[in-house]
Amino acid sequence: MIERDIEEALVRNLTRLLLELGKGFAFLGNQYHLNVGGDDFYIDLLFYNLNLRCYVVIELKTGAFKPEYAGQLNFYLSAVDGMLKKEIDNPSIGLLLCKSKNDLVAEYSLKDMSKPLV
């Protein structure tokens, strides 16, 4: 496979993802680097929604949901809001995609979090 084929495949898949997410999404990057207090962190996928006027952080997990994933996503949302968000922007939204979940564990993990997580 030549570089052009790889680039086209990436663009084609990104286009499908953007269409699946809906209107107004702008792709900002994958493995989006944030340096927080001298430590490096990498957001799986970062978008900005033009209609909602907010950042959208997507965290991908290959296994079942674990409570610590909610804390990690909440951290990323706080960091994005503290470092990237402007006054005119709304609070960031987090989307955590896991292979499976225990409904009760997920409910307790997300129950008292104030940031919008889905």
N, C-alpha and C. Protein backbone atom coordinates (compact mmCIF):
# COMPACT_ATOMS: atom_id res chain seq x y z
N MET A 1 0.85 -1.18 0.00
CA MET A 1 0.00 0.00 0.00
C MET A 1 0.90 1.24 0.00
N ILE A 2 0.60 2.18 -0.87
CA ILE A 2 1.40 3.40 -0.94
C ILE A 2 0.82 4.47 -0.01
N GLU A 3 1.61 5.50 0.26
CA GLU A 3 1.19 6.54 1.21
C GLU A 3 -0.15 7.16 0.85
N ARG A 4 -0.36 7.39 -0.45
CA ARG A 4 -1.62 8.01 -0.88
C ARG A 4 -2.83 7.13 -0.51
N ASP A 5 -2.67 5.80 -0.66
CA ASP A 5 -3.75 4.89 -0.29
C ASP A 5 -4.05 4.97 1.21
N ILE A 6 -2.99 5.03 2.01
CA ILE A 6 -3.17 5.14 3.46
C ILE A 6 -3.86 6.45 3.81
N GLU A 7 -3.41 7.54 3.19
CA GLU A 7 -4.03 8.85 3.45
C GLU A 7 -5.50 8.84 3.07
N GLU A 8 -5.83 8.28 1.91
CA GLU A 8 -7.22 8.22 1.47
C GLU A 8 -8.07 7.38 2.41
N ALA A 9 -7.50 6.26 2.89
CA ALA A 9 -8.23 5.40 3.84
C ALA A 9 -8.50 6.16 5.14
N LEU A 10 -7.51 6.89 5.62
CA LEU A 10 -7.71 7.68 6.84
C LEU A 10 -8.77 8.75 6.65
N VAL A 11 -8.71 9.45 5.54
CA VAL A 11 -9.69 10.50 5.27
C VAL A 11 -11.08 9.89 5.12
N ARG A 12 -11.18 8.77 4.43
CA ARG A 12 -12.48 8.11 4.25
C ARG A 12 -13.08 7.71 5.60
N ASN A 13 -12.26 7.13 6.47
CA ASN A 13 -12.76 6.73 7.79
C ASN A 13 -13.10 7.93 8.64
N LEU A 14 -12.30 8.99 8.56
CA LEU A 14 -12.59 10.20 9.32
C LEU A 14 -13.89 10.83 8.84
N THR A 15 -14.11 10.82 7.55
CA THR A 15 -15.35 11.36 7.00
C THR A 15 -16.55 10.57 7.53
N ARG A 16 -16.43 9.25 7.56
CA ARG A 16 -17.52 8.41 8.10
C ARG A 16 -17.78 8.72 9.57
N LEU A 17 -16.71 8.87 10.34
CA LEU A 17 -16.85 9.19 11.75
C LEU A 17 -17.53 10.54 11.93
N LEU A 18 -17.10 11.54 11.19
CA LEU A 18 -17.72 12.87 11.29
C LEU A 18 -19.19 12.82 10.91
N LEU A 19 -19.53 12.06 9.88
CA LEU A 19 -20.93 11.93 9.48
C LEU A 19 -21.75 11.23 10.57
N GLU A 20 -21.13 10.24 11.21
CA GLU A 20 -21.80 9.52 12.29
C GLU A 20 -22.05 10.42 13.50
N LEU A 21 -21.07 11.29 13.81
CA LEU A 21 -21.22 12.20 14.95
C LEU A 21 -22.31 13.24 14.71
N GLY A 22 -22.46 13.68 13.48
CA GLY A 22 -23.49 14.67 13.17
C GLY A 22 -22.88 15.96 12.67
N LYS A 23 -23.74 16.95 12.47
CA LYS A 23 -23.32 18.22 11.89
C LYS A 23 -22.52 19.06 12.88
N GLY A 24 -21.60 19.83 12.33
CA GLY A 24 -20.89 20.83 13.13
C GLY A 24 -19.61 20.37 13.78
N PHE A 25 -19.19 19.13 13.56
CA PHE A 25 -17.97 18.64 14.21
C PHE A 25 -16.73 18.95 13.38
N ALA A 26 -15.72 19.48 14.03
CA ALA A 26 -14.42 19.72 13.41
C ALA A 26 -13.39 18.86 14.14
N PHE A 27 -12.61 18.11 13.39
CA PHE A 27 -11.60 17.22 13.95
C PHE A 27 -10.35 18.03 14.27
N LEU A 28 -9.91 17.98 15.53
CA LEU A 28 -8.73 18.72 15.96
C LEU A 28 -7.49 17.83 16.07
N GLY A 29 -7.70 16.54 16.27
CA GLY A 29 -6.55 15.66 16.31
C GLY A 29 -6.78 14.38 17.07
N ASN A 30 -5.90 13.41 16.80
CA ASN A 30 -5.89 12.17 17.58
C ASN A 30 -4.60 12.15 18.38
N GLN A 31 -4.63 11.49 19.51
CA GLN A 31 -3.51 11.52 20.45
C GLN A 31 -3.10 12.98 20.68
N TYR A 32 -4.13 13.80 20.92
CA TYR A 32 -3.95 15.25 21.10
C TYR A 32 -3.16 15.49 22.39
N HIS A 33 -2.02 16.11 22.26
CA HIS A 33 -1.09 16.29 23.38
C HIS A 33 -1.51 17.45 24.27
N LEU A 34 -1.54 17.18 25.57
CA LEU A 34 -1.72 18.21 26.58
C LEU A 34 -0.59 18.07 27.59
N ASN A 35 0.05 19.18 27.92
CA ASN A 35 1.06 19.19 28.97
C ASN A 35 0.44 19.87 30.17
N VAL A 36 0.24 19.11 31.23
CA VAL A 36 -0.41 19.63 32.44
C VAL A 36 0.60 19.55 33.58
N GLY A 37 1.03 20.70 34.05
CA GLY A 37 1.98 20.74 35.16
C GLY A 37 3.27 19.99 34.89
N GLY A 38 3.70 19.98 33.64
CA GLY A 38 4.93 19.28 33.29
C GLY A 38 4.74 17.82 32.93
N ASP A 39 3.54 17.29 33.08
CA ASP A 39 3.25 15.89 32.71
C ASP A 39 2.53 15.86 31.36
N ASP A 40 2.84 14.86 30.55
CA ASP A 40 2.24 14.72 29.23
C ASP A 40 1.05 13.78 29.26
N PHE A 41 -0.02 14.20 28.58
CA PHE A 41 -1.24 13.41 28.46
C PHE A 41 -1.68 13.46 27.00
N TYR A 42 -2.39 12.41 26.57
CA TYR A 42 -2.80 12.31 25.17
C TYR A 42 -4.27 11.91 25.09
N ILE A 43 -5.07 12.80 24.55
CA ILE A 43 -6.50 12.55 24.34
C ILE A 43 -6.65 11.73 23.06
N ASP A 44 -7.42 10.66 23.12
CA ASP A 44 -7.56 9.79 21.95
C ASP A 44 -8.05 10.57 20.73
N LEU A 45 -9.19 11.25 20.87
CA LEU A 45 -9.74 12.05 19.77
C LEU A 45 -10.28 13.35 20.34
N LEU A 46 -9.97 14.46 19.69
CA LEU A 46 -10.48 15.76 20.13
C LEU A 46 -11.17 16.43 18.96
N PHE A 47 -12.39 16.88 19.22
CA PHE A 47 -13.20 17.58 18.24
C PHE A 47 -13.65 18.91 18.82
N TYR A 48 -14.12 19.79 17.94
CA TYR A 48 -14.83 20.99 18.37
C TYR A 48 -16.15 20.98 17.63
N ASN A 49 -17.26 21.21 18.37
CA ASN A 49 -18.56 21.27 17.74
C ASN A 49 -18.95 22.73 17.55
N LEU A 50 -19.09 23.13 16.29
CA LEU A 50 -19.39 24.52 15.95
C LEU A 50 -20.80 24.92 16.38
N ASN A 51 -21.74 24.00 16.34
CA ASN A 51 -23.12 24.31 16.73
C ASN A 51 -23.27 24.44 18.24
N LEU A 52 -22.64 23.53 18.98
CA LEU A 52 -22.72 23.56 20.44
C LEU A 52 -21.70 24.53 21.05
N ARG A 53 -20.72 24.93 20.25
CA ARG A 53 -19.64 25.82 20.68
C ARG A 53 -18.90 25.23 21.88
N CYS A 54 -18.45 23.98 21.70
CA CYS A 54 -17.71 23.33 22.77
C CYS A 54 -16.77 22.27 22.21
N TYR A 55 -15.77 21.94 23.01
CA TYR A 55 -14.87 20.85 22.68
C TYR A 55 -15.55 19.52 23.04
N VAL A 56 -15.22 18.49 22.28
CA VAL A 56 -15.73 17.15 22.53
C VAL A 56 -14.52 16.21 22.61
N VAL A 57 -14.34 15.61 23.79
CA VAL A 57 -13.24 14.70 24.05
C VAL A 57 -13.79 13.28 23.95
N ILE A 58 -13.15 12.47 23.10
CA ILE A 58 -13.55 11.07 22.96
C ILE A 58 -12.40 10.19 23.43
N GLU A 59 -12.72 9.33 24.38
CA GLU A 59 -11.74 8.40 24.94
C GLU A 59 -12.16 6.99 24.55
N LEU A 60 -11.26 6.23 23.97
CA LEU A 60 -11.55 4.88 23.47
C LEU A 60 -10.92 3.83 24.38
N LYS A 61 -11.71 2.82 24.75
CA LYS A 61 -11.22 1.71 25.58
C LYS A 61 -11.60 0.41 24.91
N THR A 62 -10.67 -0.53 24.86
CA THR A 62 -10.94 -1.79 24.17
C THR A 62 -11.68 -2.81 25.03
N GLY A 63 -11.66 -2.63 26.34
CA GLY A 63 -12.29 -3.59 27.23
C GLY A 63 -13.56 -3.04 27.86
N ALA A 64 -13.97 -3.69 28.93
CA ALA A 64 -15.17 -3.28 29.67
C ALA A 64 -14.89 -1.98 30.44
N PHE A 65 -15.96 -1.25 30.71
CA PHE A 65 -15.87 0.00 31.47
C PHE A 65 -15.30 -0.26 32.86
N LYS A 66 -14.40 0.63 33.29
CA LYS A 66 -13.86 0.60 34.65
C LYS A 66 -14.07 1.99 35.25
N PRO A 67 -14.33 2.07 36.56
CA PRO A 67 -14.59 3.38 37.19
C PRO A 67 -13.48 4.41 36.96
N GLU A 68 -12.24 3.96 36.89
CA GLU A 68 -11.14 4.92 36.70
C GLU A 68 -11.20 5.61 35.34
N TYR A 69 -11.89 5.02 34.37
CA TYR A 69 -12.02 5.66 33.06
C TYR A 69 -12.81 6.96 33.18
N ALA A 70 -13.82 6.98 34.05
CA ALA A 70 -14.62 8.20 34.26
C ALA A 70 -13.75 9.31 34.84
N GLY A 71 -12.88 8.95 35.78
CA GLY A 71 -11.96 9.93 36.36
C GLY A 71 -10.98 10.47 35.34
N GLN A 72 -10.47 9.59 34.48
CA GLN A 72 -9.54 10.01 33.44
C GLN A 72 -10.22 10.98 32.47
N LEU A 73 -11.43 10.65 32.04
CA LEU A 73 -12.16 11.52 31.12
C LEU A 73 -12.50 12.85 31.78
N ASN A 74 -12.89 12.82 33.03
CA ASN A 74 -13.19 14.05 33.76
C ASN A 74 -11.94 14.94 33.84
N PHE A 75 -10.78 14.33 34.08
CA PHE A 75 -9.51 15.07 34.09
C PHE A 75 -9.26 15.73 32.74
N TYR A 76 -9.43 14.98 31.66
CA TYR A 76 -9.22 15.54 30.33
C TYR A 76 -10.17 16.71 30.07
N LEU A 77 -11.42 16.58 30.47
CA LEU A 77 -12.38 17.66 30.27
C LEU A 77 -11.97 18.91 31.04
N SER A 78 -11.54 18.73 32.28
CA SER A 78 -11.08 19.87 33.09
C SER A 78 -9.85 20.52 32.46
N ALA A 79 -8.93 19.71 31.96
CA ALA A 79 -7.72 20.24 31.34
C ALA A 79 -8.05 20.99 30.06
N VAL A 80 -8.92 20.45 29.23
CA VAL A 80 -9.32 21.12 27.99
C VAL A 80 -10.02 22.43 28.32
N ASP A 81 -10.92 22.41 29.30
CA ASP A 81 -11.61 23.64 29.69
C ASP A 81 -10.64 24.67 30.26
N GLY A 82 -9.65 24.21 30.98
CA GLY A 82 -8.69 25.14 31.57
C GLY A 82 -7.66 25.66 30.60
N MET A 83 -7.32 24.87 29.58
CA MET A 83 -6.22 25.24 28.69
C MET A 83 -6.66 25.70 27.29
N LEU A 84 -7.76 25.17 26.78
CA LEU A 84 -8.16 25.45 25.40
C LEU A 84 -9.43 26.30 25.29
N LYS A 85 -10.36 26.06 26.17
CA LYS A 85 -11.67 26.71 26.11
C LYS A 85 -11.54 28.23 26.27
N LYS A 86 -12.27 28.95 25.43
CA LYS A 86 -12.35 30.41 25.51
C LYS A 86 -13.64 30.80 26.24
N GLU A 87 -13.74 32.06 26.63
CA GLU A 87 -14.93 32.52 27.36
C GLU A 87 -16.22 32.30 26.58
N ILE A 88 -16.16 32.39 25.26
CA ILE A 88 -17.38 32.23 24.46
C ILE A 88 -17.79 30.77 24.30
N ASP A 89 -16.89 29.84 24.65
CA ASP A 89 -17.18 28.41 24.51
C ASP A 89 -17.99 27.89 25.70
N ASN A 90 -18.79 26.88 25.43
CA ASN A 90 -19.51 26.16 26.47
C ASN A 90 -18.58 25.09 27.06
N PRO A 91 -18.94 24.55 28.23
CA PRO A 91 -18.11 23.49 28.82
C PRO A 91 -17.97 22.30 27.87
N SER A 92 -16.82 21.67 27.93
CA SER A 92 -16.53 20.52 27.07
C SER A 92 -17.41 19.33 27.43
N ILE A 93 -17.58 18.46 26.44
CA ILE A 93 -18.37 17.24 26.59
C ILE A 93 -17.44 16.05 26.39
N GLY A 94 -17.62 15.01 27.21
CA GLY A 94 -16.81 13.81 27.09
C GLY A 94 -17.63 12.62 26.62
N LEU A 95 -17.03 11.83 25.78
CA LEU A 95 -17.66 10.60 25.29
C LEU A 95 -16.67 9.47 25.52
N LEU A 96 -17.07 8.49 26.30
CA LEU A 96 -16.24 7.35 26.62
C LEU A 96 -16.82 6.13 25.90
N LEU A 97 -16.03 5.55 25.01
CA LEU A 97 -16.48 4.39 24.24
C LEU A 97 -15.74 3.16 24.73
N CYS A 98 -16.51 2.21 25.30
CA CYS A 98 -15.98 0.96 25.83
C CYS A 98 -16.64 -0.21 25.11
N LYS A 99 -16.00 -1.35 25.18
CA LYS A 99 -16.55 -2.55 24.56
C LYS A 99 -17.84 -2.99 25.25
N SER A 100 -17.88 -2.86 26.58
CA SER A 100 -19.05 -3.26 27.35
C SER A 100 -19.04 -2.53 28.68
N LYS A 101 -20.15 -2.69 29.44
CA LYS A 101 -20.21 -2.05 30.75
C LYS A 101 -21.18 -2.78 31.66
N ASN A 102 -20.93 -2.69 32.94
CA ASN A 102 -21.87 -3.09 33.97
C ASN A 102 -22.66 -1.83 34.28
N ASP A 103 -23.96 -1.85 34.05
CA ASP A 103 -24.78 -0.65 34.19
C ASP A 103 -24.68 -0.02 35.57
N LEU A 104 -24.70 -0.81 36.62
CA LEU A 104 -24.66 -0.28 37.97
C LEU A 104 -23.29 0.34 38.28
N VAL A 105 -22.22 -0.30 37.85
CA VAL A 105 -20.87 0.25 38.05
C VAL A 105 -20.76 1.59 37.32
N ALA A 106 -21.23 1.65 36.09
CA ALA A 106 -21.19 2.90 35.31
C ALA A 106 -22.03 3.98 35.99
N GLU A 107 -23.21 3.62 36.47
CA GLU A 107 -24.08 4.60 37.13
C GLU A 107 -23.40 5.19 38.37
N TYR A 108 -22.84 4.36 39.22
CA TYR A 108 -22.17 4.85 40.43
C TYR A 108 -20.93 5.67 40.09
N SER A 109 -20.22 5.28 39.04
CA SER A 109 -19.01 5.98 38.65
C SER A 109 -19.30 7.39 38.15
N LEU A 110 -20.44 7.58 37.51
CA LEU A 110 -20.78 8.85 36.88
C LEU A 110 -21.77 9.69 37.70
N LYS A 111 -22.31 9.10 38.75
CA LYS A 111 -23.42 9.70 39.50
C LYS A 111 -23.19 11.14 39.95
N ASP A 112 -22.09 11.46 40.60
CA ASP A 112 -21.90 12.78 41.16
C ASP A 112 -20.93 13.65 40.35
N MET A 113 -20.63 13.27 39.14
CA MET A 113 -19.76 14.09 38.30
C MET A 113 -20.59 15.20 37.69
N SER A 114 -20.04 16.41 37.68
CA SER A 114 -20.80 17.55 37.19
C SER A 114 -20.56 17.82 35.70
N LYS A 115 -19.51 17.28 35.13
CA LYS A 115 -19.23 17.51 33.71
C LYS A 115 -20.06 16.56 32.87
N PRO A 116 -20.49 17.00 31.66
CA PRO A 116 -21.31 16.13 30.82
C PRO A 116 -20.48 14.98 30.23
N LEU A 117 -20.77 13.76 30.68
CA LEU A 117 -20.11 12.55 30.19
C LEU A 117 -21.17 11.60 29.68
N VAL A 118 -20.89 10.95 28.55
CA VAL A 118 -21.82 9.95 28.04
C VAL A 118 -21.08 8.67 27.70
